[in-house]
């Protein structure tokens, strides 16, 4: 059984992509996190990750609704398609948010002081709430078994 966001009735409302072309370096973690309205979170580990393949996590739908409301309140829809990097050649990720039935995608460097502090904190909160993706994606620098 293989699942993907397209296999669900709803499209992801929040999607983080750390993919080739966005990452620089010999082996940067490449993965996707898709968050659905019902709280389903789909992790797909691609390359240079501790856990490859697709895995499912769950948070409450209320948490997802809160994240979406906060992203809207903080003006995510007004961000340009690319936030300029603070450090040249820094690793980037894409963050896509579905709002009013239209996706808005922004490419953001991991070191992104140009984003307002509340937006940086919210992104960190969302990613920090999704466990154990950080171990799967080798976010700490080494795979612990």
C-alpha atoms as a PDB file:
ATOM      1  CA  UNK A   1       0.000   0.000   0.000  1.00  0.00           C
ATOM      2  CA  UNK A   2       1.440   3.322  -1.087  1.00  0.00           C
ATOM      3  CA  UNK A   3      -0.184   6.513   0.022  1.00  0.00           C
ATOM      4  CA  UNK A   4       0.308  10.020  -1.233  1.00  0.00           C
ATOM      5  CA  UNK A   5      -1.430  13.323  -0.775  1.00  0.00           C
ATOM      6  CA  UNK A   6      -3.236  12.776  -4.067  1.00  0.00           C
ATOM      7  CA  UNK A   7      -4.783   9.575  -2.678  1.00  0.00           C
ATOM      8  CA  UNK A   8      -6.769  11.617  -0.150  1.00  0.00           C
ATOM      9  CA  UNK A   9     -10.007  13.448  -0.803  1.00  0.00           C
ATOM     10  CA  UNK A  10      -8.400  16.764   0.019  1.00  0.00           C
ATOM     11  CA  UNK A  11      -5.182  18.255  -1.222  1.00  0.00           C
ATOM     12  CA  UNK A  12      -2.530  19.298   1.301  1.00  0.00           C
ATOM     13  CA  UNK A  13      -3.318  22.611   2.955  1.00  0.00           C
ATOM     14  CA  UNK A  14       0.298  23.054   4.070  1.00  0.00           C
ATOM     15  CA  UNK A  15       3.261  21.480   2.315  1.00  0.00           C
ATOM     16  CA  UNK A  16       6.967  21.709   3.102  1.00  0.00           C
ATOM     17  CA  UNK A  17       9.386  20.544   0.389  1.00  0.00           C
ATOM     18  CA  UNK A  18      13.108  20.097   0.902  1.00  0.00           C
ATOM     19  CA  UNK A  19      13.954  18.898  -2.611  1.00  0.00           C
ATOM     20  CA  UNK A  20      16.768  18.720  -5.190  1.00  0.00           C
ATOM     21  CA  UNK A  21      17.401  22.086  -6.719  1.00  0.00           C
ATOM     22  CA  UNK A  22      16.441  23.733  -3.444  1.00  0.00           C
ATOM     23  CA  UNK A  23      19.231  22.102  -1.474  1.00  0.00           C
ATOM     24  CA  UNK A  24      22.922  22.691  -1.943  1.00  0.00           C
ATOM     25  CA  UNK A  25      25.716  20.495  -0.711  1.00  0.00           C
ATOM     26  CA  UNK A  26      26.809  16.942  -1.289  1.00  0.00           C
ATOM     27  CA  UNK A  27      23.951  15.272   0.560  1.00  0.00           C
ATOM     28  CA  UNK A  28      21.249  17.541   1.898  1.00  0.00           C
ATOM     29  CA  UNK A  29      18.127  15.860   3.237  1.00  0.00           C
ATOM     30  CA  UNK A  30      15.427  15.714   0.577  1.00  0.00           C
ATOM     31  CA  UNK A  31      11.873  15.115   1.833  1.00  0.00           C
ATOM     32  CA  UNK A  32       8.320  16.417   1.754  1.00  0.00           C
ATOM     33  CA  UNK A  33       5.766  16.994   4.514  1.00  0.00           C
ATOM     34  CA  UNK A  34       2.142  17.329   3.396  1.00  0.00           C
ATOM     35  CA  UNK A  35      -0.448  18.397   5.966  1.00  0.00           C
ATOM     36  CA  UNK A  36      -4.142  17.751   5.287  1.00  0.00           C
ATOM     37  CA  UNK A  37      -7.175  19.467   6.844  1.00  0.00           C
ATOM     38  CA  UNK A  38      -8.065  16.358   8.841  1.00  0.00           C
ATOM     39  CA  UNK A  39      -4.687  16.459  10.626  1.00  0.00           C
ATOM     40  CA  UNK A  40      -3.064  13.739   8.533  1.00  0.00           C
ATOM     41  CA  UNK A  41       0.612  14.460   7.883  1.00  0.00           C
ATOM     42  CA  UNK A  42       2.378  12.577   5.125  1.00  0.00           C
ATOM     43  CA  UNK A  43       6.176  12.377   5.246  1.00  0.00           C
ATOM     44  CA  UNK A  44       8.013  11.220   2.124  1.00  0.00           C
ATOM     45  CA  UNK A  45      11.754  10.715   2.634  1.00  0.00           C
ATOM     46  CA  UNK A  46      13.596  10.828  -0.673  1.00  0.00           C
ATOM     47  CA  UNK A  47      17.391  11.117  -0.399  1.00  0.00           C
ATOM     48  CA  UNK A  48      19.994  11.652   2.313  1.00  0.00           C
ATOM     49  CA  UNK A  49      17.463  10.944   5.057  1.00  0.00           C
ATOM     50  CA  UNK A  50      17.471   8.408   7.869  1.00  0.00           C
ATOM     51  CA  UNK A  51      14.005   7.109   6.975  1.00  0.00           C
ATOM     52  CA  UNK A  52      13.194   6.801   3.277  1.00  0.00           C
ATOM     53  CA  UNK A  53       9.720   6.281   1.927  1.00  0.00           C
ATOM     54  CA  UNK A  54       6.275   7.336   2.971  1.00  0.00           C
ATOM     55  CA  UNK A  55       5.067   7.513   6.568  1.00  0.00           C
ATOM     56  CA  UNK A  56       1.954   8.931   8.138  1.00  0.00           C
ATOM     57  CA  UNK A  57       1.606  11.022  11.288  1.00  0.00           C
ATOM     58  CA  UNK A  58      -1.449  12.620  12.876  1.00  0.00           C
ATOM     59  CA  UNK A  59      -2.280  15.859  14.656  1.00  0.00           C
ATOM     60  CA  UNK A  60      -5.743  17.167  15.454  1.00  0.00           C
ATOM     61  CA  UNK A  61      -7.683  19.046  12.758  1.00  0.00           C
ATOM     62  CA  UNK A  62      -7.921  21.948  15.213  1.00  0.00           C
ATOM     63  CA  UNK A  63      -4.131  22.256  15.249  1.00  0.00           C
ATOM     64  CA  UNK A  64      -4.059  22.417  11.434  1.00  0.00           C
ATOM     65  CA  UNK A  65      -6.823  25.042  11.450  1.00  0.00           C
ATOM     66  CA  UNK A  66      -4.833  27.071  13.977  1.00  0.00           C
ATOM     67  CA  UNK A  67      -1.663  26.873  11.825  1.00  0.00           C
ATOM     68  CA  UNK A  68      -3.607  27.998   8.745  1.00  0.00           C
ATOM     69  CA  UNK A  69      -5.247  30.880  10.608  1.00  0.00           C
ATOM     70  CA  UNK A  70      -1.886  31.997  11.978  1.00  0.00           C
ATOM     71  CA  UNK A  71      -0.213  31.839   8.548  1.00  0.00           C
ATOM     72  CA  UNK A  72      -3.049  33.921   7.095  1.00  0.00           C
ATOM     73  CA  UNK A  73      -3.005  36.403   9.997  1.00  0.00           C
ATOM     74  CA  UNK A  74       0.762  36.847   9.629  1.00  0.00           C
ATOM     75  CA  UNK A  75       0.424  37.599   5.909  1.00  0.00           C
ATOM     76  CA  UNK A  76       1.880  34.463   4.326  1.00  0.00           C
ATOM     77  CA  UNK A  77      -0.227  35.092   1.204  1.00  0.00           C
ATOM     78  CA  UNK A  78       1.523  38.444   0.723  1.00  0.00           C
ATOM     79  CA  UNK A  79       5.054  37.007   0.714  1.00  0.00           C
ATOM     80  CA  UNK A  80       6.889  37.067  -2.620  1.00  0.00           C
ATOM     81  CA  UNK A  81       7.533  33.792  -4.452  1.00  0.00           C
ATOM     82  CA  UNK A  82      11.098  33.819  -3.122  1.00  0.00           C
ATOM     83  CA  UNK A  83      12.466  35.283   0.084  1.00  0.00           C
ATOM     84  CA  UNK A  84      16.045  36.477  -0.577  1.00  0.00           C
ATOM     85  CA  UNK A  85      18.676  34.362   1.201  1.00  0.00           C
ATOM     86  CA  UNK A  86      20.647  35.900   4.044  1.00  0.00           C
ATOM     87  CA  UNK A  87      23.648  33.738   3.152  1.00  0.00           C
ATOM     88  CA  UNK A  88      24.415  33.108  -0.506  1.00  0.00           C
ATOM     89  CA  UNK A  89      23.968  29.450  -1.512  1.00  0.00           C
ATOM     90  CA  UNK A  90      22.013  28.703   1.643  1.00  0.00           C
ATOM     91  CA  UNK A  91      19.703  25.693   1.645  1.00  0.00           C
ATOM     92  CA  UNK A  92      16.118  26.534   0.748  1.00  0.00           C
ATOM     93  CA  UNK A  93      12.744  24.906   1.180  1.00  0.00           C
ATOM     94  CA  UNK A  94       9.359  25.547  -0.366  1.00  0.00           C
ATOM     95  CA  UNK A  95       6.338  26.224   1.775  1.00  0.00           C
ATOM     96  CA  UNK A  96       2.965  25.989   0.044  1.00  0.00           C
ATOM     97  CA  UNK A  97      -0.257  27.003   1.778  1.00  0.00           C
ATOM     98  CA  UNK A  98      -3.725  26.475   0.326  1.00  0.00           C
ATOM     99  CA  UNK A  99      -5.866  29.478   1.094  1.00  0.00           C
ATOM    100  CA  UNK A 100      -9.215  30.361  -0.461  1.00  0.00           C
ATOM    101  CA  UNK A 101      -8.815  27.272  -2.715  1.00  0.00           C
ATOM    102  CA  UNK A 102      -5.622  28.717  -4.263  1.00  0.00           C
ATOM    103  CA  UNK A 103      -2.101  27.542  -3.401  1.00  0.00           C
ATOM    104  CA  UNK A 104       0.551  30.142  -2.585  1.00  0.00           C
ATOM    105  CA  UNK A 105       4.120  28.840  -2.759  1.00  0.00           C
ATOM    106  CA  UNK A 106       7.146  30.616  -1.329  1.00  0.00           C
ATOM    107  CA  UNK A 107      10.774  29.513  -1.551  1.00  0.00           C
ATOM    108  CA  UNK A 108      12.439  30.319   1.765  1.00  0.00           C
ATOM    109  CA  UNK A 109      16.106  30.002   2.803  1.00  0.00           C
ATOM    110  CA  UNK A 110      16.606  28.051   6.034  1.00  0.00           C
ATOM    111  CA  UNK A 111      18.447  31.084   7.391  1.00  0.00           C
ATOM    112  CA  UNK A 112      15.737  33.657   6.804  1.00  0.00           C
ATOM    113  CA  UNK A 113      16.052  36.749   9.000  1.00  0.00           C
ATOM    114  CA  UNK A 114      14.111  38.723   6.359  1.00  0.00           C
ATOM    115  CA  UNK A 115      10.926  37.031   7.554  1.00  0.00           C
ATOM    116  CA  UNK A 116       9.202  38.749  10.417  1.00  0.00           C
ATOM    117  CA  UNK A 117       9.913  37.103  13.767  1.00  0.00           C
ATOM    118  CA  UNK A 118       6.327  35.840  14.238  1.00  0.00           C
ATOM    119  CA  UNK A 119       6.434  34.048  10.852  1.00  0.00           C
ATOM    120  CA  UNK A 120       9.828  32.461  11.624  1.00  0.00           C
ATOM    121  CA  UNK A 121       8.543  31.277  14.990  1.00  0.00           C
ATOM    122  CA  UNK A 122       5.344  29.860  13.476  1.00  0.00           C
ATOM    123  CA  UNK A 123       7.268  27.874  10.831  1.00  0.00           C
ATOM    124  CA  UNK A 124       9.581  26.538  13.549  1.00  0.00           C
ATOM    125  CA  UNK A 125       6.538  25.657  15.691  1.00  0.00           C
ATOM    126  CA  UNK A 126       4.844  23.766  12.853  1.00  0.00           C
ATOM    127  CA  UNK A 127       7.980  21.793  12.013  1.00  0.00           C
ATOM    128  CA  UNK A 128       8.726  21.228  15.697  1.00  0.00           C
ATOM    129  CA  UNK A 129       5.240  19.821  16.263  1.00  0.00           C
ATOM    130  CA  UNK A 130       5.685  17.140  13.616  1.00  0.00           C
ATOM    131  CA  UNK A 131       7.570  14.347  15.314  1.00  0.00           C
ATOM    132  CA  UNK A 132       9.473  12.153  14.513  1.00  0.00           C
ATOM    133  CA  UNK A 133      10.063  13.750  11.106  1.00  0.00           C
ATOM    134  CA  UNK A 134      13.250  15.478  12.320  1.00  0.00           C
ATOM    135  CA  UNK A 135      14.854  12.096  13.095  1.00  0.00           C
ATOM    136  CA  UNK A 136      13.603  10.600   9.837  1.00  0.00           C
ATOM    137  CA  UNK A 137      14.903  13.513   7.807  1.00  0.00           C
ATOM    138  CA  UNK A 138      18.283  13.598   9.562  1.00  0.00           C
ATOM    139  CA  UNK A 139      17.630  17.155  10.738  1.00  0.00           C
ATOM    140  CA  UNK A 140      20.017  16.750  13.662  1.00  0.00           C
ATOM    141  CA  UNK A 141      22.949  15.737  11.458  1.00  0.00           C
ATOM    142  CA  UNK A 142      23.179  12.022  12.221  1.00  0.00           C
ATOM    143  CA  UNK A 143      20.849   9.068  12.055  1.00  0.00           C
ATOM    144  CA  UNK A 144      20.115   7.524  15.418  1.00  0.00           C
ATOM    145  CA  UNK A 145      18.804   3.995  15.286  1.00  0.00           C
END
